[in-house]
Amino acid sequence: MKRLAFLLLLLPMSAMAGDYVKLEDRLTAEQRIATGVAGLSAAQLELLNSILSGVEQEQQRKSRDQREQAAEREATLLETLDGRPIQAVAKGTFASWEPGTLVELDNGQRWKVLKGYGKLRAPRTDLPVRIVPGMAGRWFMEFDENLPKARVFRID
């Protein structure tokens, strides 16, 4: 019975690339006997196949969703890393920044200050910011055009 359980854990991965293949068609006669599948009734085998088919379909859907999400993240990253400045709003209230300050933008991006210190004349909420590219892949965030920019890096 333990062999059957172990085999069932591995089987869903075997058909992820295509349509579901019935369990009895995946195993040799020796494997069906060794795992106990040969002793299952037709109803039990049908139920097992329907369960495994559903598991595989769910795994395929999740895999497809993950690939699509990764492609969207990559496309978003490429849009922002094409050398053009990014205009956004820093969510929350800002009075100053220093290395380690986390800045979450209204476009969903999160940036962290790597170098630079600054202090606004007065705290501001939902501060418009500009992120501009620098040399050698560096990025700088401008909180106020009259203050030094902070060197930042994207954390997601």
C-alpha atoms as a PDB file:
ATOM      1  CA  MET A   1       0.000   0.000   0.000  1.00  0.00           C
ATOM      2  CA  LYS A   2       2.913   2.366   0.749  1.00  0.00           C
ATOM      3  CA  ARG A   3       4.298   1.725  -2.723  1.00  0.00           C
ATOM      4  CA  LEU A   4       0.952   2.627  -4.256  1.00  0.00           C
ATOM      5  CA  ALA A   5       0.778   5.873  -2.280  1.00  0.00           C
ATOM      6  CA  PHE A   6       4.323   6.823  -3.298  1.00  0.00           C
ATOM      7  CA  LEU A   7       3.603   5.980  -6.917  1.00  0.00           C
ATOM      8  CA  LEU A   8       0.447   8.070  -6.856  1.00  0.00           C
ATOM      9  CA  LEU A   9       2.404  11.078  -5.611  1.00  0.00           C
ATOM     10  CA  LEU A  10       4.766  10.843  -8.565  1.00  0.00           C
ATOM     11  CA  LEU A  11       2.252  10.024 -11.271  1.00  0.00           C
ATOM     12  CA  PRO A  12       0.563  13.418 -11.662  1.00  0.00           C
ATOM     13  CA  MET A  13       3.819  14.951 -12.836  1.00  0.00           C
ATOM     14  CA  SER A  14       4.257  12.386 -15.604  1.00  0.00           C
ATOM     15  CA  ALA A  15       1.475  13.640 -17.843  1.00  0.00           C
ATOM     16  CA  MET A  16       1.645  17.393 -17.269  1.00  0.00           C
ATOM     17  CA  ALA A  17       2.691  18.107 -20.843  1.00  0.00           C
ATOM     18  CA  GLY A  18      -0.374  16.543 -22.462  1.00  0.00           C
ATOM     19  CA  ASP A  19      -3.740  14.907 -21.943  1.00  0.00           C
ATOM     20  CA  TYR A  20      -4.306  12.605 -19.014  1.00  0.00           C
ATOM     21  CA  VAL A  21      -3.123   9.007 -19.492  1.00  0.00           C
ATOM     22  CA  LYS A  22      -5.005   6.410 -17.471  1.00  0.00           C
ATOM     23  CA  LEU A  23      -3.097   4.876 -14.581  1.00  0.00           C
ATOM     24  CA  GLU A  24      -3.380   1.325 -15.945  1.00  0.00           C
ATOM     25  CA  ASP A  25      -1.876   2.519 -19.254  1.00  0.00           C
ATOM     26  CA  ARG A  26       1.122   4.068 -17.499  1.00  0.00           C
ATOM     27  CA  LEU A  27       2.192   0.932 -15.668  1.00  0.00           C
ATOM     28  CA  THR A  28       3.602  -2.350 -16.866  1.00  0.00           C
ATOM     29  CA  ALA A  29       1.858  -5.555 -15.793  1.00  0.00           C
ATOM     30  CA  GLU A  30       4.581  -6.077 -13.174  1.00  0.00           C
ATOM     31  CA  GLN A  31       4.108  -2.563 -11.797  1.00  0.00           C
ATOM     32  CA  ARG A  32       0.319  -2.984 -11.617  1.00  0.00           C
ATOM     33  CA  ILE A  33       0.793  -6.182  -9.574  1.00  0.00           C
ATOM     34  CA  ALA A  34       3.590  -4.754  -7.380  1.00  0.00           C
ATOM     35  CA  THR A  35       1.598  -1.603  -6.522  1.00  0.00           C
ATOM     36  CA  GLY A  36      -1.718  -3.332  -6.025  1.00  0.00           C
ATOM     37  CA  VAL A  37      -3.391  -1.547  -8.928  1.00  0.00           C
ATOM     38  CA  ALA A  38      -4.125  -4.936 -10.529  1.00  0.00           C
ATOM     39  CA  GLY A  39      -6.317  -5.810  -7.534  1.00  0.00           C
ATOM     40  CA  LEU A  40      -8.539  -2.738  -7.806  1.00  0.00           C
ATOM     41  CA  SER A  41     -12.107  -3.109  -9.003  1.00  0.00           C
ATOM     42  CA  ALA A  42     -13.174  -1.321 -12.184  1.00  0.00           C
ATOM     43  CA  ALA A  43     -15.052   1.271 -10.085  1.00  0.00           C
ATOM     44  CA  GLN A  44     -12.012   1.894  -7.853  1.00  0.00           C
ATOM     45  CA  LEU A  45      -9.747   2.273 -10.877  1.00  0.00           C
ATOM     46  CA  GLU A  46     -12.179   4.678 -12.521  1.00  0.00           C
ATOM     47  CA  LEU A  47     -12.355   6.793  -9.355  1.00  0.00           C
ATOM     48  CA  LEU A  48      -8.572   6.817  -9.010  1.00  0.00           C
ATOM     49  CA  ASN A  49      -8.179   7.910 -12.631  1.00  0.00           C
ATOM     50  CA  SER A  50     -10.718  10.697 -12.205  1.00  0.00           C
ATOM     51  CA  ILE A  51      -8.892  11.949  -9.097  1.00  0.00           C
ATOM     52  CA  LEU A  52      -5.502  11.836 -10.791  1.00  0.00           C
ATOM     53  CA  SER A  53      -6.888  13.518 -13.895  1.00  0.00           C
ATOM     54  CA  GLY A  54      -8.237  16.397 -11.785  1.00  0.00           C
ATOM     55  CA  VAL A  55      -4.934  16.738  -9.932  1.00  0.00           C
ATOM     56  CA  GLU A  56      -3.031  16.918 -13.204  1.00  0.00           C
ATOM     57  CA  GLN A  57      -5.413  19.459 -14.670  1.00  0.00           C
ATOM     58  CA  GLU A  58      -5.029  21.627 -11.561  1.00  0.00           C
ATOM     59  CA  GLN A  59      -1.236  21.327 -11.712  1.00  0.00           C
ATOM     60  CA  GLN A  60      -1.278  22.276 -15.383  1.00  0.00           C
ATOM     61  CA  ARG A  61      -3.473  25.306 -14.628  1.00  0.00           C
ATOM     62  CA  LYS A  62      -1.194  26.401 -11.777  1.00  0.00           C
ATOM     63  CA  SER A  63       1.895  25.943 -13.919  1.00  0.00           C
ATOM     64  CA  ARG A  64       0.314  27.983 -16.727  1.00  0.00           C
ATOM     65  CA  ASP A  65      -0.728  30.719 -14.265  1.00  0.00           C
ATOM     66  CA  GLN A  66       2.796  30.858 -12.814  1.00  0.00           C
ATOM     67  CA  ARG A  67       4.326  31.172 -16.290  1.00  0.00           C
ATOM     68  CA  GLU A  68       1.906  33.975 -17.166  1.00  0.00           C
ATOM     69  CA  GLN A  69       2.617  35.828 -13.917  1.00  0.00           C
ATOM     70  CA  ALA A  70       6.367  35.510 -14.459  1.00  0.00           C
ATOM     71  CA  ALA A  71       5.995  36.860 -17.994  1.00  0.00           C
ATOM     72  CA  GLU A  72       3.946  39.817 -16.710  1.00  0.00           C
ATOM     73  CA  ARG A  73       6.551  40.596 -14.025  1.00  0.00           C
ATOM     74  CA  GLU A  74       9.332  40.423 -16.593  1.00  0.00           C
ATOM     75  CA  ALA A  75       7.431  42.665 -19.004  1.00  0.00           C
ATOM     76  CA  THR A  76       6.808  45.206 -16.230  1.00  0.00           C
ATOM     77  CA  LEU A  77      10.448  45.120 -15.210  1.00  0.00           C
ATOM     78  CA  LEU A  78      11.598  45.601 -18.802  1.00  0.00           C
ATOM     79  CA  GLU A  79       9.194  48.519 -19.230  1.00  0.00           C
ATOM     80  CA  THR A  80      10.758  50.271 -16.272  1.00  0.00           C
ATOM     81  CA  LEU A  81      14.341  49.304 -17.022  1.00  0.00           C
ATOM     82  CA  ASP A  82      14.444  50.533 -20.596  1.00  0.00           C
ATOM     83  CA  GLY A  83      16.326  53.684 -19.657  1.00  0.00           C
ATOM     84  CA  ARG A  84      13.343  55.982 -19.299  1.00  0.00           C
ATOM     85  CA  PRO A  85      12.499  57.779 -16.059  1.00  0.00           C
ATOM     86  CA  ILE A  86       9.641  56.408 -13.994  1.00  0.00           C
ATOM     87  CA  GLN A  87       7.038  58.861 -12.722  1.00  0.00           C
ATOM     88  CA  ALA A  88       5.078  57.616  -9.709  1.00  0.00           C
ATOM     89  CA  VAL A  89       3.746  58.494  -6.277  1.00  0.00           C
ATOM     90  CA  ALA A  90       5.463  57.257  -3.123  1.00  0.00           C
ATOM     91  CA  LYS A  91       2.702  55.918  -0.876  1.00  0.00           C
ATOM     92  CA  GLY A  92       2.620  57.097   2.724  1.00  0.00           C
ATOM     93  CA  THR A  93       4.197  60.083   4.476  1.00  0.00           C
ATOM     94  CA  PHE A  94       7.811  61.089   3.899  1.00  0.00           C
ATOM     95  CA  ALA A  95       9.944  63.507   5.866  1.00  0.00           C
ATOM     96  CA  SER A  96      13.388  62.076   5.119  1.00  0.00           C
ATOM     97  CA  TRP A  97      15.238  59.116   3.634  1.00  0.00           C
ATOM     98  CA  GLU A  98      18.440  57.260   4.296  1.00  0.00           C
ATOM     99  CA  PRO A  99      19.975  53.909   3.328  1.00  0.00           C
ATOM    100  CA  GLY A 100      17.442  51.177   4.042  1.00  0.00           C
ATOM    101  CA  THR A 101      14.358  53.363   3.551  1.00  0.00           C
ATOM    102  CA  LEU A 102      11.707  51.361   1.701  1.00  0.00           C
ATOM    103  CA  VAL A 103       9.587  53.245  -0.826  1.00  0.00           C
ATOM    104  CA  GLU A 104       6.399  51.670  -2.141  1.00  0.00           C
ATOM    105  CA  LEU A 105       5.043  53.284  -5.270  1.00  0.00           C
ATOM    106  CA  ASP A 106       1.457  53.578  -6.424  1.00  0.00           C
ATOM    107  CA  ASN A 107       2.327  51.410  -9.467  1.00  0.00           C
ATOM    108  CA  GLY A 108       3.108  48.470  -7.147  1.00  0.00           C
ATOM    109  CA  GLN A 109       6.874  48.715  -7.390  1.00  0.00           C
ATOM    110  CA  ARG A 110       8.997  48.701  -4.255  1.00  0.00           C
ATOM    111  CA  TRP A 111      12.379  50.407  -4.135  1.00  0.00           C
ATOM    112  CA  LYS A 112      14.940  50.601  -1.356  1.00  0.00           C
ATOM    113  CA  VAL A 113      17.408  53.424  -0.745  1.00  0.00           C
ATOM    114  CA  LEU A 114      20.967  52.169  -1.073  1.00  0.00           C
ATOM    115  CA  LYS A 115      22.850  55.464  -0.726  1.00  0.00           C
ATOM    116  CA  GLY A 116      21.920  59.017   0.020  1.00  0.00           C
ATOM    117  CA  TYR A 117      20.330  61.072   2.757  1.00  0.00           C
ATOM    118  CA  GLY A 118      17.750  63.784   2.491  1.00  0.00           C
ATOM    119  CA  LYS A 119      15.182  65.696   4.464  1.00  0.00           C
ATOM    120  CA  LEU A 120      12.145  67.498   3.121  1.00  0.00           C
ATOM    121  CA  ARG A 121      11.270  70.951   4.425  1.00  0.00           C
ATOM    122  CA  ALA A 122       8.045  69.473   5.768  1.00  0.00           C
ATOM    123  CA  PRO A 123       6.616  65.937   5.795  1.00  0.00           C
ATOM    124  CA  ARG A 124       4.540  65.139   2.722  1.00  0.00           C
ATOM    125  CA  THR A 125       1.957  62.444   2.038  1.00  0.00           C
ATOM    126  CA  ASP A 126       1.718  60.635  -1.307  1.00  0.00           C
ATOM    127  CA  LEU A 127       4.812  62.339  -2.604  1.00  0.00           C
ATOM    128  CA  PRO A 128       5.341  62.389  -6.380  1.00  0.00           C
ATOM    129  CA  VAL A 129       8.760  60.918  -7.194  1.00  0.00           C
ATOM    130  CA  ARG A 130      10.861  60.366 -10.256  1.00  0.00           C
ATOM    131  CA  ILE A 131      13.221  57.436 -10.696  1.00  0.00           C
ATOM    132  CA  VAL A 132      15.917  58.049 -13.268  1.00  0.00           C
ATOM    133  CA  PRO A 133      18.567  55.749 -14.710  1.00  0.00           C
ATOM    134  CA  GLY A 134      22.225  56.441 -14.067  1.00  0.00           C
ATOM    135  CA  MET A 135      25.494  54.934 -15.244  1.00  0.00           C
ATOM    136  CA  ALA A 136      26.154  51.170 -15.122  1.00  0.00           C
ATOM    137  CA  GLY A 137      22.568  50.164 -14.395  1.00  0.00           C
ATOM    138  CA  ARG A 138      22.175  52.368 -11.336  1.00  0.00           C
ATOM    139  CA  TRP A 139      18.879  54.052 -10.496  1.00  0.00           C
ATOM    140  CA  PHE A 140      18.237  57.255  -8.577  1.00  0.00           C
ATOM    141  CA  MET A 141      15.049  58.480  -6.910  1.00  0.00           C
ATOM    142  CA  GLU A 142      14.268  62.164  -6.870  1.00  0.00           C
ATOM    143  CA  PHE A 143      11.983  63.149  -4.005  1.00  0.00           C
ATOM    144  CA  ASP A 144      12.399  66.887  -4.536  1.00  0.00           C
ATOM    145  CA  GLU A 145      14.186  68.528  -7.452  1.00  0.00           C
ATOM    146  CA  ASN A 146      16.085  70.834  -5.058  1.00  0.00           C
ATOM    147  CA  LEU A 147      17.492  67.974  -2.962  1.00  0.00           C
ATOM    148  CA  PRO A 148      20.062  65.309  -3.808  1.00  0.00           C
ATOM    149  CA  LYS A 149      18.752  62.117  -5.369  1.00  0.00           C
ATOM    150  CA  ALA A 150      18.881  58.823  -3.485  1.00  0.00           C
ATOM    151  CA  ARG A 151      20.521  55.822  -5.129  1.00  0.00           C
ATOM    152  CA  VAL A 152      17.889  53.062  -5.096  1.00  0.00           C
ATOM    153  CA  PHE A 153      17.375  49.501  -6.237  1.00  0.00           C
ATOM    154  CA  ARG A 154      14.184  47.689  -7.023  1.00  0.00           C
ATOM    155  CA  ILE A 155      13.322  44.906  -4.581  1.00  0.00           C
ATOM    156  CA  ASP A 156      10.510  43.231  -6.532  1.00  0.00           C
END
